[in-house]
Protein backbone atom coordinates (compact mmCIF):
# COMPACT_ATOMS: atom_id res chain seq x y z
CA MET A 1 101.21 114.70 94.57
CA PRO A 2 99.07 112.10 96.30
CA THR A 3 98.82 112.39 100.08
CA VAL A 4 99.95 109.49 102.26
CA ALA A 5 99.51 108.84 105.98
CA PHE A 6 100.42 106.19 108.51
CA THR A 7 98.08 103.21 108.22
CA GLY A 8 99.20 101.20 111.23
CA ARG A 9 98.04 101.02 114.82
CA ILE A 10 98.19 104.24 116.86
CA ILE A 11 98.33 103.83 120.62
CA THR A 12 97.93 106.91 122.80
CA ILE A 13 99.66 106.64 126.18
CA ASP A 14 98.86 108.80 129.19
CA THR A 15 100.03 106.75 132.18
CA VAL A 16 103.47 105.72 133.40
CA ALA A 17 102.39 102.06 133.49
CA ASP A 18 101.37 102.20 129.81
CA THR A 19 104.61 104.02 128.98
CA ASP A 20 106.52 101.14 130.54
CA LYS A 21 104.50 98.67 128.41
CA ALA A 22 105.19 100.67 125.23
CA VAL A 23 108.91 100.79 125.98
CA LYS A 24 108.91 97.04 126.56
CA ALA A 25 107.20 96.52 123.20
CA LEU A 26 109.78 98.75 121.48
CA SER A 27 112.80 97.21 123.22
CA GLY A 28 113.13 94.47 120.61
CA GLU A 29 113.28 96.90 117.70
CA LYS A 30 116.47 97.92 115.86
CA LEU A 31 115.00 101.12 114.37
CA ILE A 32 112.36 103.52 115.65
CA GLY A 33 110.99 106.65 114.02
CA ILE A 34 110.87 109.53 116.50
CA ASP A 35 109.32 112.98 116.66
CA THR A 36 107.92 115.37 119.24
CA GLU A 37 105.10 117.89 119.37
CA THR A 38 104.81 121.02 121.49
CA ARG A 39 101.81 123.25 122.05
CA PRO A 40 102.42 126.35 119.93
CA SER A 41 102.70 129.73 121.56
CA PHE A 42 101.41 132.80 119.86
CA LYS A 43 102.84 135.20 122.44
CA LYS A 44 106.37 136.53 122.31
CA GLY A 45 108.56 135.04 125.04
CA VAL A 46 106.09 132.26 125.94
CA GLN A 47 107.33 128.75 125.28
CA HIS A 48 105.66 125.51 126.32
CA LYS A 49 107.28 122.21 127.26
CA VAL A 50 107.19 119.35 124.78
CA ALA A 51 103.82 117.65 125.18
CA LEU A 52 104.11 114.51 123.04
CA ILE A 53 106.76 112.07 121.85
CA GLN A 54 105.96 109.76 118.98
CA LEU A 55 107.83 106.47 118.67
CA SER A 56 107.02 104.43 115.58
CA THR A 57 107.79 101.05 114.09
CA ALA A 58 106.64 100.16 110.58
CA ASP A 59 103.20 99.17 111.85
CA THR A 60 102.67 100.67 115.33
CA CYS A 61 103.11 104.18 116.67
CA PHE A 62 103.06 105.04 120.36
CA LEU A 63 102.01 108.60 121.20
CA ILE A 64 103.29 109.24 124.71
CA ARG A 65 101.66 112.27 126.33
CA LEU A 66 104.62 113.78 128.16
CA ASN A 67 102.41 116.52 129.59
CA ARG A 68 100.68 113.71 131.52
CA VAL A 69 103.48 111.22 132.28
CA GLY A 70 106.62 113.37 132.31
CA MET A 71 109.77 111.43 131.43
CA PRO A 72 109.54 108.06 133.19
CA ASP A 73 112.71 106.03 133.78
CA SER A 74 111.69 103.48 131.15
CA LEU A 75 111.39 106.15 128.45
CA VAL A 76 114.72 107.73 129.39
CA SER A 77 116.31 104.27 129.25
CA LEU A 78 114.92 103.75 125.73
CA LEU A 79 116.12 107.16 124.57
CA GLU A 80 119.61 106.44 125.94
CA ASN A 81 119.76 102.90 124.50
CA GLN A 82 122.67 102.64 122.03
CA GLU A 83 121.31 99.43 120.47
CA ILE A 84 118.12 100.98 119.05
CA LYS A 85 118.50 103.66 116.38
CA LYS A 86 116.08 106.56 116.81
CA ILE A 87 115.50 108.13 113.37
CA GLY A 88 114.11 111.66 113.11
CA ILE A 89 114.35 115.14 111.64
CA SER A 90 115.97 118.03 113.48
CA LEU A 91 116.72 115.74 116.41
CA HIS A 92 118.92 118.30 118.13
CA ASP A 93 115.84 120.48 118.65
CA ASP A 94 113.78 117.52 119.86
CA TYR A 95 116.59 116.51 122.23
CA GLN A 96 116.80 120.04 123.66
CA SER A 97 113.03 120.12 124.20
CA LEU A 98 113.01 116.72 125.88
CA CYS A 99 115.86 117.77 128.18
CA HIS A 100 113.65 120.57 129.51
CA ARG A 101 111.53 117.77 130.94
CA ARG A 102 114.44 115.58 132.10
CA LYS A 103 118.13 115.45 131.23
CA PHE A 104 119.43 112.36 129.43
CA LYS A 105 122.16 111.33 126.99
CA PRO A 106 120.82 110.56 123.51
CA GLY A 107 121.61 107.03 122.41
CA ALA A 108 121.87 106.24 118.71
CA PHE A 109 119.92 109.30 117.53
CA LEU A 110 120.20 109.60 113.74
CA ASP A 111 119.13 112.91 112.20
CA LEU A 112 117.93 112.53 108.62
CA GLN A 113 118.88 116.14 107.88
CA LYS A 114 122.51 115.07 108.21
CA ARG A 115 121.99 111.96 106.07
CA VAL A 116 119.96 113.17 103.09
CA GLY A 117 122.76 115.38 101.73
CA GLU A 118 124.66 112.22 100.79
CA PHE A 119 121.85 111.59 98.30
CA GLY A 120 121.86 115.10 96.84
CA ILE A 121 118.80 116.22 98.80
CA GLU A 122 119.17 119.80 99.95
CA GLU A 123 115.73 120.21 101.50
CA MET A 124 115.53 119.99 105.28
CA SER A 125 111.82 119.69 106.09
CA LEU A 126 110.22 116.29 106.59
CA GLN A 127 107.44 117.10 104.15
CA LYS A 128 109.83 118.05 101.35
CA ILE A 129 112.25 115.18 101.96
CA PHE A 130 109.37 112.69 101.95
CA ALA A 131 108.05 114.17 98.68
CA ILE A 132 111.48 113.90 97.03
CA VAL A 133 112.11 110.34 98.19
CA PHE A 134 108.61 108.90 97.63
CA GLY A 135 106.82 111.29 95.25
CA GLN A 136 104.03 111.57 97.83
CA ARG A 137 102.92 114.28 100.21
CA ILE A 138 102.36 114.13 103.95
CA SER A 139 99.98 116.61 105.53
CA LYS A 140 101.19 119.20 108.04
CA SER A 141 97.73 120.62 108.73
CA GLN A 142 97.70 119.69 112.44
CA GLN A 143 101.14 121.07 113.27
CA LEU A 144 99.93 124.20 115.08
CA THR A 145 97.19 122.55 117.11
CA ASN A 146 97.09 122.28 120.89
CA TRP A 147 99.03 119.15 121.85
CA GLU A 148 98.02 119.59 125.50
CA ASN A 149 94.28 119.19 124.85
CA ASP A 150 92.53 116.83 127.26
CA VAL A 151 91.81 114.53 124.33
CA LEU A 152 93.81 114.46 121.10
CA THR A 153 91.66 114.41 117.98
CA ASP A 154 91.93 111.59 115.46
CA LYS A 155 93.50 114.08 113.02
CA GLN A 156 96.15 115.04 115.60
CA LYS A 157 96.92 111.39 116.30
CA LEU A 158 97.24 110.55 112.61
CA TYR A 159 99.43 113.60 111.96
CA ALA A 160 101.73 112.78 114.89
CA ALA A 161 102.03 109.09 113.96
CA THR A 162 102.68 109.93 110.32
CA ASP A 163 105.60 112.21 111.19
CA ALA A 164 107.45 109.57 113.23
CA TRP A 165 106.64 106.79 110.73
CA ALA A 166 107.72 108.95 107.77
CA CYS A 167 111.19 109.37 109.30
CA LEU A 168 111.55 105.62 109.55
CA GLU A 169 110.31 105.13 105.98
CA ILE A 170 112.76 107.69 104.58
CA TYR A 171 115.66 106.08 106.42
CA ASN A 172 114.73 102.59 105.18
CA ARG A 173 114.39 103.79 101.58
CA LEU A 174 117.75 105.59 101.65
CA GLU A 175 119.43 102.53 103.18
CA SER A 176 118.05 100.34 100.38
CA LEU A 177 119.59 102.50 97.64
C-alpha cells in the first residue's frame, strides 16, 4: 500500500501564550482530530506523563508540548467544549493520560473505535483502520521516540500531525458513506 502523511501546516507550541492563540484559531471549528504522545518507558513500573497533544483541522495541526506548557485554562476549555467534536482513537486512554496533568470533563469526544464497527470494521488500530478505509498506509515509525526531547524532529512532528489528521479524515469519510 502507498504511504500517506499529513501535508498541511504543522505548528509546534511550547508556550502558554501560543497555546491560547492555537485554541482561539481552533474555536471556530466543528471537528478536530485529536491524539496524544507520551515518552515511552522501557522500565517496569515507570510511566511518564503525556508530553504532547495534537489537534488537527484538515489543513493545520497544532502540536502542543504539554511537558512545557502543562494544561492551560484555554486548552482545558477547548477539551470541555461540547460544540466542537474531538475525533480520535482510544480516546479513553488519552483522556486518562491528560487527566494526570489536569482533571477536566471531556466535551464531545468521539472515539472512532466505537464508530467503525457500524461499517463492519473490526480492527482497532489507527493504522489498520486507515488502511481499510483509504487503501493507504500511515507510518508508525516514530511512535516509540522521546516526545520530551528539547526539540522534536521533523519526522516526529510529521508522525504526530498525521495521527491526529488521520482520525479526522477517517471520520469524514465514514460520515460521507
